[in-house]
Amino acid sequence: MPATASRSVGAASRRAASQDGEGVGRRIGIFLQDVDVDIPLGVLVVMTGVAGSGKSSLIEGSVAGRDGVVLVDQSPIRGSRRSNPATYTGMLDSIRKAFAKANGVKASLFSPNSDGACPNCNGNGVVYTELGFMDTVATTCEVCEGKRFEPSVLEHTLGGRDISEVLAMPVTEALAFFGDGEAKTPAAHTILQRLTDVGLGYLSLGQPLTTLSAGERQRLKLAIHMAEQGGVYVLDEPTSGLHLADVDHLLGMLDQLVESGTSVIVIEHHQAVMAHADWIIDLGPGAGHDGGRVVFEGTPADLVAARSTLTGRHLAEYVASAESQRRK
């Protein structure tokens, strides 16, 4: 993505210039076996290197456990099969209140886990049948037709949509829906904007969390943490499973975090993220016993100029290709 490559150079140079003369200010000092490295704070730091070179061991073993450090990994999100982006982010609370206010009824009607739930499927939208030694079979509820609510609840609307239609909306559509007009709901709109920024605009509000990939779960966690100020965030390959068109959104969101005072450390192989970094720490030169050493510390521009590591050579090719495409 040419736009990403050109924007990356500007972002890195701008933030590096705002630090001390060496391009770094406050630091985290870490030591792992024979590895001694300082990680600058207040900037976007990317940890690179071949698979098995020790990136995750270095960060998770020496940084993640410190006070003020938030590890946003790809581990499963706790919750039942009823959980979805709307419930996990807390967005459903503001949506329920907006529906209740618009219709003069109680908010609990608009929760599939409460008063408004379809009694046949208990608000699941599907009926589960246990088949003993075989896998459980889920079939669409014949009463609510998968909408999860009693028919009387669906008579209440907000902005011309009932609650089941809202939960079926993708994030991008919901962002516009709750941003203006009768359905304007600032609290929901703010969360939806964060979900869009992390590249989850295609998810539906009511999509079960159990259907999300590891990368999607990580970005959902990150969207929640974006509401916090300061601290240090550690992200483990946030571009995993992300469409190329959404990588630029992710980079913009990382910029927002840094500009708000948050230090961001990313373990990543994606070259667009490397090129956009303020500081790169490259581990290697190989994997396993051949890895675990810091082979480069510095800016992406210096890494590209040196071409002294495998990462540097690949990044140089990426930047050259991006510049060539930009000139066309």
C-alpha atoms as a PDB file:
ATOM      1  CA  MET A   1       0.000   0.000   0.000  1.00  0.00           C
ATOM      2  CA  PRO A   2       1.865   3.073  -1.221  1.00  0.00           C
ATOM      3  CA  ALA A   3      -0.083   5.498   0.957  1.00  0.00           C
ATOM      4  CA  THR A   4       0.904   3.551   4.032  1.00  0.00           C
ATOM      5  CA  ALA A   5       4.591   3.522   3.131  1.00  0.00           C
ATOM      6  CA  SER A   6       4.786   7.260   2.479  1.00  0.00           C
ATOM      7  CA  ARG A   7       2.743   8.122   5.587  1.00  0.00           C
ATOM      8  CA  SER A   8       4.918   5.825   7.703  1.00  0.00           C
ATOM      9  CA  VAL A   9       8.119   7.746   6.970  1.00  0.00           C
ATOM     10  CA  GLY A  10       6.454  11.005   7.966  1.00  0.00           C
ATOM     11  CA  ALA A  11       4.972   9.630  11.184  1.00  0.00           C
ATOM     12  CA  ALA A  12       8.226   8.059  12.314  1.00  0.00           C
ATOM     13  CA  SER A  13      10.296  11.153  11.552  1.00  0.00           C
ATOM     14  CA  ARG A  14       7.833  13.474  13.237  1.00  0.00           C
ATOM     15  CA  ARG A  15       7.648  11.522  16.488  1.00  0.00           C
ATOM     16  CA  ALA A  16      11.370  10.746  16.581  1.00  0.00           C
ATOM     17  CA  ALA A  17      12.110  14.453  16.280  1.00  0.00           C
ATOM     18  CA  SER A  18       9.918  15.134  19.310  1.00  0.00           C
ATOM     19  CA  GLN A  19      12.131  12.887  21.489  1.00  0.00           C
ATOM     20  CA  ASP A  20      15.753  13.535  22.477  1.00  0.00           C
ATOM     21  CA  GLY A  21      18.637  13.856  20.062  1.00  0.00           C
ATOM     22  CA  GLU A  22      18.893  10.104  19.560  1.00  0.00           C
ATOM     23  CA  GLY A  23      15.228   9.813  18.612  1.00  0.00           C
ATOM     24  CA  VAL A  24      14.233   8.182  21.890  1.00  0.00           C
ATOM     25  CA  GLY A  25      13.227   9.562  25.273  1.00  0.00           C
ATOM     26  CA  ARG A  26      11.955   7.497  28.200  1.00  0.00           C
ATOM     27  CA  ARG A  27      12.831   3.818  28.006  1.00  0.00           C
ATOM     28  CA  ILE A  28      12.061   0.391  29.412  1.00  0.00           C
ATOM     29  CA  GLY A  29      15.271  -1.512  30.099  1.00  0.00           C
ATOM     30  CA  ILE A  30      14.988  -5.292  29.798  1.00  0.00           C
ATOM     31  CA  PHE A  31      17.437  -8.141  30.102  1.00  0.00           C
ATOM     32  CA  LEU A  32      16.837 -11.710  28.904  1.00  0.00           C
ATOM     33  CA  GLN A  33      19.759 -14.163  29.152  1.00  0.00           C
ATOM     34  CA  ASP A  34      22.406 -12.359  27.063  1.00  0.00           C
ATOM     35  CA  VAL A  35      19.970  -9.838  25.576  1.00  0.00           C
ATOM     36  CA  ASP A  36      20.082  -6.319  26.978  1.00  0.00           C
ATOM     37  CA  VAL A  37      17.886  -3.798  25.178  1.00  0.00           C
ATOM     38  CA  ASP A  38      16.169  -0.484  25.885  1.00  0.00           C
ATOM     39  CA  ILE A  39      12.659  -0.003  24.516  1.00  0.00           C
ATOM     40  CA  PRO A  40      11.782   3.676  23.978  1.00  0.00           C
ATOM     41  CA  LEU A  41       8.487   4.898  25.426  1.00  0.00           C
ATOM     42  CA  GLY A  42       6.024   7.335  23.920  1.00  0.00           C
ATOM     43  CA  VAL A  43       6.501   5.968  20.404  1.00  0.00           C
ATOM     44  CA  LEU A  44       5.483   3.022  18.212  1.00  0.00           C
ATOM     45  CA  VAL A  45       8.051   0.247  18.650  1.00  0.00           C
ATOM     46  CA  VAL A  46       7.941  -2.817  16.398  1.00  0.00           C
ATOM     47  CA  MET A  47       9.662  -6.079  17.341  1.00  0.00           C
ATOM     48  CA  THR A  48      10.685  -7.999  14.228  1.00  0.00           C
ATOM     49  CA  GLY A  49      12.580 -11.135  13.314  1.00  0.00           C
ATOM     50  CA  VAL A  50      12.006 -14.564  11.836  1.00  0.00           C
ATOM     51  CA  ALA A  51       9.583 -16.967  13.505  1.00  0.00           C
ATOM     52  CA  GLY A  52      11.216 -18.473  16.582  1.00  0.00           C
ATOM     53  CA  SER A  53      13.797 -15.708  16.985  1.00  0.00           C
ATOM     54  CA  GLY A  54      12.579 -14.888  20.510  1.00  0.00           C
ATOM     55  CA  LYS A  55      10.293 -11.886  19.989  1.00  0.00           C
ATOM     56  CA  SER A  56       7.375 -13.137  22.059  1.00  0.00           C
ATOM     57  CA  SER A  57       9.644 -14.612  24.735  1.00  0.00           C
ATOM     58  CA  LEU A  58      11.429 -11.289  25.115  1.00  0.00           C
ATOM     59  CA  ILE A  59       8.268  -9.202  25.375  1.00  0.00           C
ATOM     60  CA  GLU A  60       5.979 -11.553  27.295  1.00  0.00           C
ATOM     61  CA  GLY A  61       8.735 -12.610  29.668  1.00  0.00           C
ATOM     62  CA  SER A  62      10.287  -9.229  30.394  1.00  0.00           C
ATOM     63  CA  VAL A  63       7.734  -6.509  29.617  1.00  0.00           C
ATOM     64  CA  ALA A  64       4.167  -7.803  29.809  1.00  0.00           C
ATOM     65  CA  GLY A  65       4.190  -8.404  33.561  1.00  0.00           C
ATOM     66  CA  ARG A  66       5.230  -4.888  34.526  1.00  0.00           C
ATOM     67  CA  ASP A  67       2.921  -2.354  36.176  1.00  0.00           C
ATOM     68  CA  GLY A  68       0.987  -0.285  33.661  1.00  0.00           C
ATOM     69  CA  VAL A  69       1.597  -2.709  30.788  1.00  0.00           C
ATOM     70  CA  VAL A  70      -1.459  -4.110  28.987  1.00  0.00           C
ATOM     71  CA  LEU A  71      -0.917  -7.218  26.853  1.00  0.00           C
ATOM     72  CA  VAL A  72      -3.448  -7.392  24.028  1.00  0.00           C
ATOM     73  CA  ASP A  73      -2.944 -10.913  22.714  1.00  0.00           C
ATOM     74  CA  GLN A  74      -4.918 -13.382  20.613  1.00  0.00           C
ATOM     75  CA  SER A  75      -6.162 -15.546  23.473  1.00  0.00           C
ATOM     76  CA  PRO A  76      -9.864 -16.485  23.565  1.00  0.00           C
ATOM     77  CA  ILE A  77     -12.303 -13.949  24.987  1.00  0.00           C
ATOM     78  CA  ARG A  78     -14.206 -15.171  28.015  1.00  0.00           C
ATOM     79  CA  GLY A  79     -17.931 -15.365  27.489  1.00  0.00           C
ATOM     80  CA  SER A  80     -20.748 -17.675  26.492  1.00  0.00           C
ATOM     81  CA  ARG A  81     -22.099 -18.270  23.005  1.00  0.00           C
ATOM     82  CA  ARG A  82     -24.566 -15.481  23.770  1.00  0.00           C
ATOM     83  CA  SER A  83     -21.725 -12.947  23.878  1.00  0.00           C
ATOM     84  CA  ASN A  84     -21.179 -10.687  20.882  1.00  0.00           C
ATOM     85  CA  PRO A  85     -19.403  -7.401  20.035  1.00  0.00           C
ATOM     86  CA  ALA A  86     -22.358  -5.377  21.336  1.00  0.00           C
ATOM     87  CA  THR A  87     -22.344  -7.063  24.750  1.00  0.00           C
ATOM     88  CA  TYR A  88     -18.552  -7.419  25.073  1.00  0.00           C
ATOM     89  CA  THR A  89     -17.863  -3.725  24.429  1.00  0.00           C
ATOM     90  CA  GLY A  90     -20.778  -2.571  26.620  1.00  0.00           C
ATOM     91  CA  MET A  91     -22.380  -0.920  23.606  1.00  0.00           C
ATOM     92  CA  LEU A  92     -25.645  -2.827  24.024  1.00  0.00           C
ATOM     93  CA  ASP A  93     -26.392  -0.953  27.269  1.00  0.00           C
ATOM     94  CA  SER A  94     -26.586   2.417  25.497  1.00  0.00           C
ATOM     95  CA  ILE A  95     -28.522   0.897  22.591  1.00  0.00           C
ATOM     96  CA  ARG A  96     -31.091  -0.656  24.937  1.00  0.00           C
ATOM     97  CA  LYS A  97     -31.524   2.660  26.751  1.00  0.00           C
ATOM     98  CA  ALA A  98     -32.020   4.492  23.441  1.00  0.00           C
ATOM     99  CA  PHE A  99     -34.732   2.012  22.398  1.00  0.00           C
ATOM    100  CA  ALA A 100     -36.409   2.275  25.806  1.00  0.00           C
ATOM    101  CA  LYS A 101     -36.454   6.075  25.727  1.00  0.00           C
ATOM    102  CA  ALA A 102     -37.800   6.202  22.177  1.00  0.00           C
ATOM    103  CA  ASN A 103     -40.640   3.790  22.974  1.00  0.00           C
ATOM    104  CA  GLY A 104     -41.425   4.561  26.600  1.00  0.00           C
ATOM    105  CA  VAL A 105     -40.752   1.019  27.809  1.00  0.00           C
ATOM    106  CA  LYS A 106     -38.157  -0.638  30.038  1.00  0.00           C
ATOM    107  CA  ALA A 107     -34.677  -1.261  28.664  1.00  0.00           C
ATOM    108  CA  SER A 108     -34.609  -4.926  29.716  1.00  0.00           C
ATOM    109  CA  LEU A 109     -37.013  -5.739  26.870  1.00  0.00           C
ATOM    110  CA  PHE A 110     -34.188  -5.166  24.392  1.00  0.00           C
ATOM    111  CA  SER A 111     -31.819  -7.767  25.791  1.00  0.00           C
ATOM    112  CA  PRO A 112     -32.009 -11.326  24.422  1.00  0.00           C
ATOM    113  CA  ASN A 113     -30.844 -12.462  27.851  1.00  0.00           C
ATOM    114  CA  SER A 114     -33.689 -10.795  29.761  1.00  0.00           C
ATOM    115  CA  ASP A 115     -37.386  -9.885  29.590  1.00  0.00           C
ATOM    116  CA  GLY A 116     -37.603  -9.590  25.801  1.00  0.00           C
ATOM    117  CA  ALA A 117     -36.074 -12.961  24.972  1.00  0.00           C
ATOM    118  CA  CYS A 118     -37.911 -15.465  22.822  1.00  0.00           C
ATOM    119  CA  PRO A 119     -39.171 -18.082  25.311  1.00  0.00           C
ATOM    120  CA  ASN A 120     -38.722 -20.954  22.866  1.00  0.00           C
ATOM    121  CA  CYS A 121     -34.976 -20.531  22.329  1.00  0.00           C
ATOM    122  CA  ASN A 122     -34.260 -18.435  25.446  1.00  0.00           C
ATOM    123  CA  GLY A 123     -32.939 -15.615  23.294  1.00  0.00           C
ATOM    124  CA  ASN A 124     -30.332 -17.691  21.480  1.00  0.00           C
ATOM    125  CA  GLY A 125     -31.989 -17.514  18.068  1.00  0.00           C
ATOM    126  CA  VAL A 126     -31.257 -21.200  17.676  1.00  0.00           C
ATOM    127  CA  VAL A 127     -32.381 -24.370  19.427  1.00  0.00           C
ATOM    128  CA  TYR A 128     -29.659 -26.810  20.501  1.00  0.00           C
ATOM    129  CA  THR A 129     -30.351 -30.532  20.308  1.00  0.00           C
ATOM    130  CA  GLU A 130     -28.105 -32.961  22.200  1.00  0.00           C
ATOM    131  CA  LEU A 131     -27.516 -36.156  20.261  1.00  0.00           C
ATOM    132  CA  GLY A 132     -25.571 -38.120  22.845  1.00  0.00           C
ATOM    133  CA  PHE A 133     -22.379 -39.426  21.261  1.00  0.00           C
ATOM    134  CA  MET A 134     -22.714 -37.055  18.265  1.00  0.00           C
ATOM    135  CA  ASP A 135     -22.052 -33.321  18.097  1.00  0.00           C
ATOM    136  CA  THR A 136     -24.780 -30.985  19.328  1.00  0.00           C
ATOM    137  CA  VAL A 137     -26.988 -29.751  16.486  1.00  0.00           C
ATOM    138  CA  ALA A 138     -28.134 -26.119  16.333  1.00  0.00           C
ATOM    139  CA  THR A 139     -31.227 -25.237  14.303  1.00  0.00           C
ATOM    140  CA  THR A 140     -32.836 -21.839  13.744  1.00  0.00           C
ATOM    141  CA  CYS A 141     -35.666 -21.200  16.181  1.00  0.00           C
ATOM    142  CA  GLU A 142     -39.005 -21.656  14.391  1.00  0.00           C
ATOM    143  CA  VAL A 143     -40.793 -19.213  16.709  1.00  0.00           C
ATOM    144  CA  CYS A 144     -38.583 -16.116  16.425  1.00  0.00           C
ATOM    145  CA  GLU A 145     -36.938 -17.181  13.137  1.00  0.00           C
ATOM    146  CA  GLY A 146     -33.519 -16.496  14.596  1.00  0.00           C
ATOM    147  CA  LYS A 147     -34.327 -12.936  15.704  1.00  0.00           C
ATOM    148  CA  ARG A 148     -33.958 -13.871  19.412  1.00  0.00           C
ATOM    149  CA  PHE A 149     -36.798 -11.627  20.659  1.00  0.00           C
ATOM    150  CA  GLU A 150     -40.526 -11.941  21.289  1.00  0.00           C
ATOM    151  CA  PRO A 151     -42.693 -10.520  18.466  1.00  0.00           C
ATOM    152  CA  SER A 152     -44.058  -7.781  20.750  1.00  0.00           C
ATOM    153  CA  VAL A 153     -40.532  -6.448  21.343  1.00  0.00           C
ATOM    154  CA  LEU A 154     -39.898  -6.160  17.618  1.00  0.00           C
ATOM    155  CA  GLU A 155     -42.863  -3.789  17.315  1.00  0.00           C
ATOM    156  CA  HIS A 156     -40.726  -1.151  19.051  1.00  0.00           C
ATOM    157  CA  THR A 157     -38.363   0.672  16.715  1.00  0.00           C
ATOM    158  CA  LEU A 158     -35.594   3.251  16.779  1.00  0.00           C
ATOM    159  CA  GLY A 159     -34.888   5.169  13.609  1.00  0.00           C
ATOM    160  CA  GLY A 160     -37.190   2.783  11.747  1.00  0.00           C
ATOM    161  CA  ARG A 161     -35.304  -0.360  12.845  1.00  0.00           C
ATOM    162  CA  ASP A 162     -36.203  -2.956  15.463  1.00  0.00           C
ATOM    163  CA  ILE A 163     -33.595  -4.348  17.870  1.00  0.00           C
ATOM    164  CA  SER A 164     -32.997  -7.542  15.873  1.00  0.00           C
ATOM    165  CA  GLU A 165     -32.282  -5.501  12.742  1.00  0.00           C
ATOM    166  CA  VAL A 166     -29.823  -3.329  14.669  1.00  0.00           C
ATOM    167  CA  LEU A 167     -27.947  -6.354  16.029  1.00  0.00           C
ATOM    168  CA  ALA A 168     -27.714  -7.708  12.478  1.00  0.00           C
ATOM    169  CA  MET A 169     -26.060  -4.496  11.231  1.00  0.00           C
ATOM    170  CA  PRO A 170     -22.363  -4.529  10.373  1.00  0.00           C
ATOM    171  CA  VAL A 171     -20.318  -2.060  12.404  1.00  0.00           C
ATOM    172  CA  THR A 172     -19.910   0.376   9.491  1.00  0.00           C
ATOM    173  CA  GLU A 173     -23.669   0.592   8.931  1.00  0.00           C
ATOM    174  CA  ALA A 174     -24.337   0.956  12.649  1.00  0.00           C
ATOM    175  CA  LEU A 175     -21.736   3.749  12.836  1.00  0.00           C
ATOM    176  CA  ALA A 176     -23.785   5.838  10.426  1.00  0.00           C
ATOM    177  CA  PHE A 177     -27.094   4.777  11.997  1.00  0.00           C
ATOM    178  CA  PHE A 178     -26.174   5.873  15.534  1.00  0.00           C
ATOM    179  CA  GLY A 179     -24.290   8.945  14.372  1.00  0.00           C
ATOM    180  CA  ASP A 180     -27.230  11.112  13.346  1.00  0.00           C
ATOM    181  CA  GLY A 181     -30.999  11.485  13.275  1.00  0.00           C
ATOM    182  CA  GLU A 182     -33.525   9.905  15.623  1.00  0.00           C
ATOM    183  CA  ALA A 183     -31.178   7.039  16.462  1.00  0.00           C
ATOM    184  CA  LYS A 184     -28.232   9.271  17.397  1.00  0.00           C
ATOM    185  CA  THR A 185     -26.516   7.650  20.377  1.00  0.00           C
ATOM    186  CA  PRO A 186     -23.085   9.170  21.150  1.00  0.00           C
ATOM    187  CA  ALA A 187     -21.945   6.417  23.530  1.00  0.00           C
ATOM    188  CA  ALA A 188     -22.609   3.671  20.974  1.00  0.00           C
ATOM    189  CA  HIS A 189     -21.173   5.778  18.157  1.00  0.00           C
ATOM    190  CA  THR A 190     -17.865   6.222  20.018  1.00  0.00           C
ATOM    191  CA  ILE A 191     -17.423   2.468  20.477  1.00  0.00           C
ATOM    192  CA  LEU A 192     -18.415   1.787  16.873  1.00  0.00           C
ATOM    193  CA  GLN A 193     -15.789   4.268  15.690  1.00  0.00           C
ATOM    194  CA  ARG A 194     -13.113   2.393  17.639  1.00  0.00           C
ATOM    195  CA  LEU A 195     -14.240  -0.915  16.136  1.00  0.00           C
ATOM    196  CA  THR A 196     -13.998   0.659  12.685  1.00  0.00           C
ATOM    197  CA  ASP A 197     -10.535   2.044  13.454  1.00  0.00           C
ATOM    198  CA  VAL A 198      -9.206  -1.420  14.319  1.00  0.00           C
ATOM    199  CA  GLY A 199     -10.552  -2.877  11.075  1.00  0.00           C
ATOM    200  CA  LEU A 200     -13.656  -4.645  12.390  1.00  0.00           C
ATOM    201  CA  GLY A 201     -16.198  -2.666  10.381  1.00  0.00           C
ATOM    202  CA  TYR A 202     -17.507  -5.835   8.728  1.00  0.00           C
ATOM    203  CA  LEU A 203     -18.553  -7.608  11.953  1.00  0.00           C
ATOM    204  CA  SER A 204     -22.235  -7.569  12.850  1.00  0.00           C
ATOM    205  CA  LEU A 205     -23.109  -6.246  16.304  1.00  0.00           C
ATOM    206  CA  GLY A 206     -24.754  -9.509  17.301  1.00  0.00           C
ATOM    207  CA  GLN A 207     -22.185 -11.917  15.841  1.00  0.00           C
ATOM    208  CA  PRO A 208     -21.259 -14.607  18.422  1.00  0.00           C
ATOM    209  CA  LEU A 209     -17.752 -14.119  19.786  1.00  0.00           C
ATOM    210  CA  THR A 210     -17.149 -17.838  19.351  1.00  0.00           C
ATOM    211  CA  THR A 211     -17.054 -17.276  15.567  1.00  0.00           C
ATOM    212  CA  LEU A 212     -14.230 -14.687  15.658  1.00  0.00           C
ATOM    213  CA  SER A 213     -10.675 -15.459  14.609  1.00  0.00           C
ATOM    214  CA  ALA A 214      -7.708 -14.922  16.943  1.00  0.00           C
ATOM    215  CA  GLY A 215      -6.815 -11.671  15.155  1.00  0.00           C
ATOM    216  CA  GLU A 216     -10.389 -10.407  15.387  1.00  0.00           C
ATOM    217  CA  ARG A 217     -10.518 -11.160  19.106  1.00  0.00           C
ATOM    218  CA  GLN A 218      -7.292  -9.239  19.645  1.00  0.00           C
ATOM    219  CA  ARG A 219      -8.560  -6.169  17.779  1.00  0.00           C
ATOM    220  CA  LEU A 220     -11.832  -6.308  19.698  1.00  0.00           C
ATOM    221  CA  LYS A 221      -9.855  -6.208  22.952  1.00  0.00           C
ATOM    222  CA  LEU A 222      -7.787  -3.333  21.584  1.00  0.00           C
ATOM    223  CA  ALA A 223     -10.918  -1.343  20.725  1.00  0.00           C
ATOM    224  CA  ILE A 224     -11.925  -1.506  24.395  1.00  0.00           C
ATOM    225  CA  HIS A 225      -8.474  -0.505  25.651  1.00  0.00           C
ATOM    226  CA  MET A 226      -8.501   2.522  23.350  1.00  0.00           C
ATOM    227  CA  ALA A 227     -10.791   4.230  25.867  1.00  0.00           C
ATOM    228  CA  GLU A 228      -7.941   4.263  28.392  1.00  0.00           C
ATOM    229  CA  GLN A 229      -5.238   6.912  28.509  1.00  0.00           C
ATOM    230  CA  GLY A 230      -1.509   6.449  28.990  1.00  0.00           C
ATOM    231  CA  GLY A 231       0.308   3.215  29.858  1.00  0.00           C
ATOM    232  CA  VAL A 232       2.061   0.709  27.613  1.00  0.00           C
ATOM    233  CA  TYR A 233       0.213  -1.572  25.183  1.00  0.00           C
ATOM    234  CA  VAL A 234       1.794  -4.722  23.801  1.00  0.00           C
ATOM    235  CA  LEU A 235       0.162  -6.203  20.685  1.00  0.00           C
ATOM    236  CA  ASP A 236       1.036  -9.599  19.230  1.00  0.00           C
ATOM    237  CA  GLU A 237       0.630  -9.518  15.434  1.00  0.00           C
ATOM    238  CA  PRO A 238      -2.506  -7.338  15.276  1.00  0.00           C
ATOM    239  CA  THR A 239      -2.630  -7.605  11.458  1.00  0.00           C
ATOM    240  CA  SER A 240      -3.292 -11.360  11.666  1.00  0.00           C
ATOM    241  CA  GLY A 241      -6.296 -12.106   9.460  1.00  0.00           C
ATOM    242  CA  LEU A 242      -6.728  -8.432   8.596  1.00  0.00           C
ATOM    243  CA  HIS A 243      -7.603  -7.435   5.024  1.00  0.00           C
ATOM    244  CA  LEU A 244      -4.947  -5.317   3.328  1.00  0.00           C
ATOM    245  CA  ALA A 245      -7.404  -2.460   2.911  1.00  0.00           C
ATOM    246  CA  ASP A 246      -7.814  -2.274   6.695  1.00  0.00           C
ATOM    247  CA  VAL A 247      -4.122  -2.231   7.637  1.00  0.00           C
ATOM    248  CA  ASP A 248      -4.002   1.532   7.077  1.00  0.00           C
ATOM    249  CA  HIS A 249      -6.930   1.952   9.507  1.00  0.00           C
ATOM    250  CA  LEU A 250      -4.984  -0.041  12.083  1.00  0.00           C
ATOM    251  CA  LEU A 251      -1.884   2.122  11.607  1.00  0.00           C
ATOM    252  CA  GLY A 252      -3.966   5.257  12.052  1.00  0.00           C
ATOM    253  CA  MET A 253      -5.374   3.842  15.274  1.00  0.00           C
ATOM    254  CA  LEU A 254      -1.883   3.024  16.576  1.00  0.00           C
ATOM    255  CA  ASP A 255      -0.904   6.616  15.808  1.00  0.00           C
ATOM    256  CA  GLN A 256      -3.872   7.838  17.850  1.00  0.00           C
ATOM    257  CA  LEU A 257      -2.764   5.745  20.808  1.00  0.00           C
ATOM    258  CA  VAL A 258       0.784   7.097  20.672  1.00  0.00           C
ATOM    259  CA  GLU A 259      -0.372  10.677  20.244  1.00  0.00           C
ATOM    260  CA  SER A 260      -2.624  10.288  23.302  1.00  0.00           C
ATOM    261  CA  GLY A 261       0.420   9.444  25.430  1.00  0.00           C
ATOM    262  CA  THR A 262       0.358   5.652  25.146  1.00  0.00           C
ATOM    263  CA  SER A 263       3.506   3.676  24.411  1.00  0.00           C
ATOM    264  CA  VAL A 264       2.842   0.922  21.860  1.00  0.00           C
ATOM    265  CA  ILE A 265       4.979  -2.178  21.342  1.00  0.00           C
ATOM    266  CA  VAL A 266       3.967  -4.408  18.439  1.00  0.00           C
ATOM    267  CA  ILE A 267       5.294  -7.862  17.604  1.00  0.00           C
ATOM    268  CA  GLU A 268       4.742  -7.975  13.868  1.00  0.00           C
ATOM    269  CA  HIS A 269       5.860  -9.417  10.514  1.00  0.00           C
ATOM    270  CA  HIS A 270       3.765  -7.130   8.308  1.00  0.00           C
ATOM    271  CA  GLN A 271       6.072  -4.849   6.350  1.00  0.00           C
ATOM    272  CA  ALA A 272       3.646  -1.910   6.309  1.00  0.00           C
ATOM    273  CA  VAL A 273       3.682  -1.895  10.113  1.00  0.00           C
ATOM    274  CA  MET A 274       7.483  -2.124  10.183  1.00  0.00           C
ATOM    275  CA  ALA A 275       7.793   0.788   7.763  1.00  0.00           C
ATOM    276  CA  HIS A 276       5.403   2.849   9.888  1.00  0.00           C
ATOM    277  CA  ALA A 277       7.272   2.286  13.152  1.00  0.00           C
ATOM    278  CA  ASP A 278       9.188   4.963  15.034  1.00  0.00           C
ATOM    279  CA  TRP A 279      11.684   2.395  16.310  1.00  0.00           C
ATOM    280  CA  ILE A 280      12.486  -1.185  15.302  1.00  0.00           C
ATOM    281  CA  ILE A 281      14.121  -3.902  17.384  1.00  0.00           C
ATOM    282  CA  ASP A 282      15.092  -6.825  15.156  1.00  0.00           C
ATOM    283  CA  LEU A 283      15.879 -10.208  16.725  1.00  0.00           C
ATOM    284  CA  GLY A 284      17.765 -13.028  15.069  1.00  0.00           C
ATOM    285  CA  PRO A 285      19.687 -13.761  13.052  1.00  0.00           C
ATOM    286  CA  GLY A 286      17.874 -17.082  12.873  1.00  0.00           C
ATOM    287  CA  ALA A 287      15.391 -19.126  14.879  1.00  0.00           C
ATOM    288  CA  GLY A 288      15.805 -21.259  17.998  1.00  0.00           C
ATOM    289  CA  HIS A 289      19.448 -21.569  19.066  1.00  0.00           C
ATOM    290  CA  ASP A 290      20.387 -19.291  16.164  1.00  0.00           C
ATOM    291  CA  GLY A 291      18.092 -16.529  17.439  1.00  0.00           C
ATOM    292  CA  GLY A 292      17.581 -14.589  20.646  1.00  0.00           C
ATOM    293  CA  ARG A 293      20.033 -11.806  19.811  1.00  0.00           C
ATOM    294  CA  VAL A 294      19.297  -8.177  18.994  1.00  0.00           C
ATOM    295  CA  VAL A 295      20.689  -7.715  15.491  1.00  0.00           C
ATOM    296  CA  PHE A 296      19.369  -4.180  14.977  1.00  0.00           C
ATOM    297  CA  GLU A 297      17.971  -1.251  16.960  1.00  0.00           C
ATOM    298  CA  GLY A 298      16.933   1.974  15.281  1.00  0.00           C
ATOM    299  CA  THR A 299      14.553   3.666  12.872  1.00  0.00           C
ATOM    300  CA  PRO A 300      13.038   1.927   9.833  1.00  0.00           C
ATOM    301  CA  ALA A 301      15.030   4.272   7.583  1.00  0.00           C
ATOM    302  CA  ASP A 302      18.287   3.169   9.212  1.00  0.00           C
ATOM    303  CA  LEU A 303      17.301  -0.500   8.935  1.00  0.00           C
ATOM    304  CA  VAL A 304      16.531  -0.075   5.226  1.00  0.00           C
ATOM    305  CA  ALA A 305      19.771   1.829   4.624  1.00  0.00           C
ATOM    306  CA  ALA A 306      21.905  -0.756   6.423  1.00  0.00           C
ATOM    307  CA  ARG A 307      20.262  -3.867   4.921  1.00  0.00           C
ATOM    308  CA  SER A 308      22.349  -5.768   7.453  1.00  0.00           C
ATOM    309  CA  THR A 309      19.622  -8.230   8.465  1.00  0.00           C
ATOM    310  CA  LEU A 310      17.106 -10.416   6.675  1.00  0.00           C
ATOM    311  CA  THR A 311      14.316  -8.140   7.928  1.00  0.00           C
ATOM    312  CA  GLY A 312      16.185  -5.089   6.666  1.00  0.00           C
ATOM    313  CA  ARG A 313      16.606  -6.522   3.189  1.00  0.00           C
ATOM    314  CA  HIS A 314      12.933  -7.495   2.909  1.00  0.00           C
ATOM    315  CA  LEU A 315      11.823  -4.102   4.232  1.00  0.00           C
ATOM    316  CA  ALA A 316      14.083  -2.327   1.742  1.00  0.00           C
ATOM    317  CA  GLU A 317      12.439  -4.232  -1.115  1.00  0.00           C
ATOM    318  CA  TYR A 318       8.987  -3.365   0.232  1.00  0.00           C
ATOM    319  CA  VAL A 319       9.756   0.356   0.570  1.00  0.00           C
ATOM    320  CA  ALA A 320      11.332   0.487  -2.913  1.00  0.00           C
ATOM    321  CA  SER A 321       8.277  -1.199  -4.435  1.00  0.00           C
ATOM    322  CA  ALA A 322       5.892   1.118  -2.577  1.00  0.00           C
ATOM    323  CA  GLU A 323       7.799   4.194  -3.726  1.00  0.00           C
ATOM    324  CA  SER A 324       7.758   2.931  -7.307  1.00  0.00           C
ATOM    325  CA  GLN A 325       3.999   2.416  -7.194  1.00  0.00           C
ATOM    326  CA  ARG A 326       3.501   5.850  -5.666  1.00  0.00           C
ATOM    327  CA  ARG A 327       5.336   7.558  -8.527  1.00  0.00           C
ATOM    328  CA  LYS A 328       3.123   5.922 -11.164  1.00  0.00           C
END
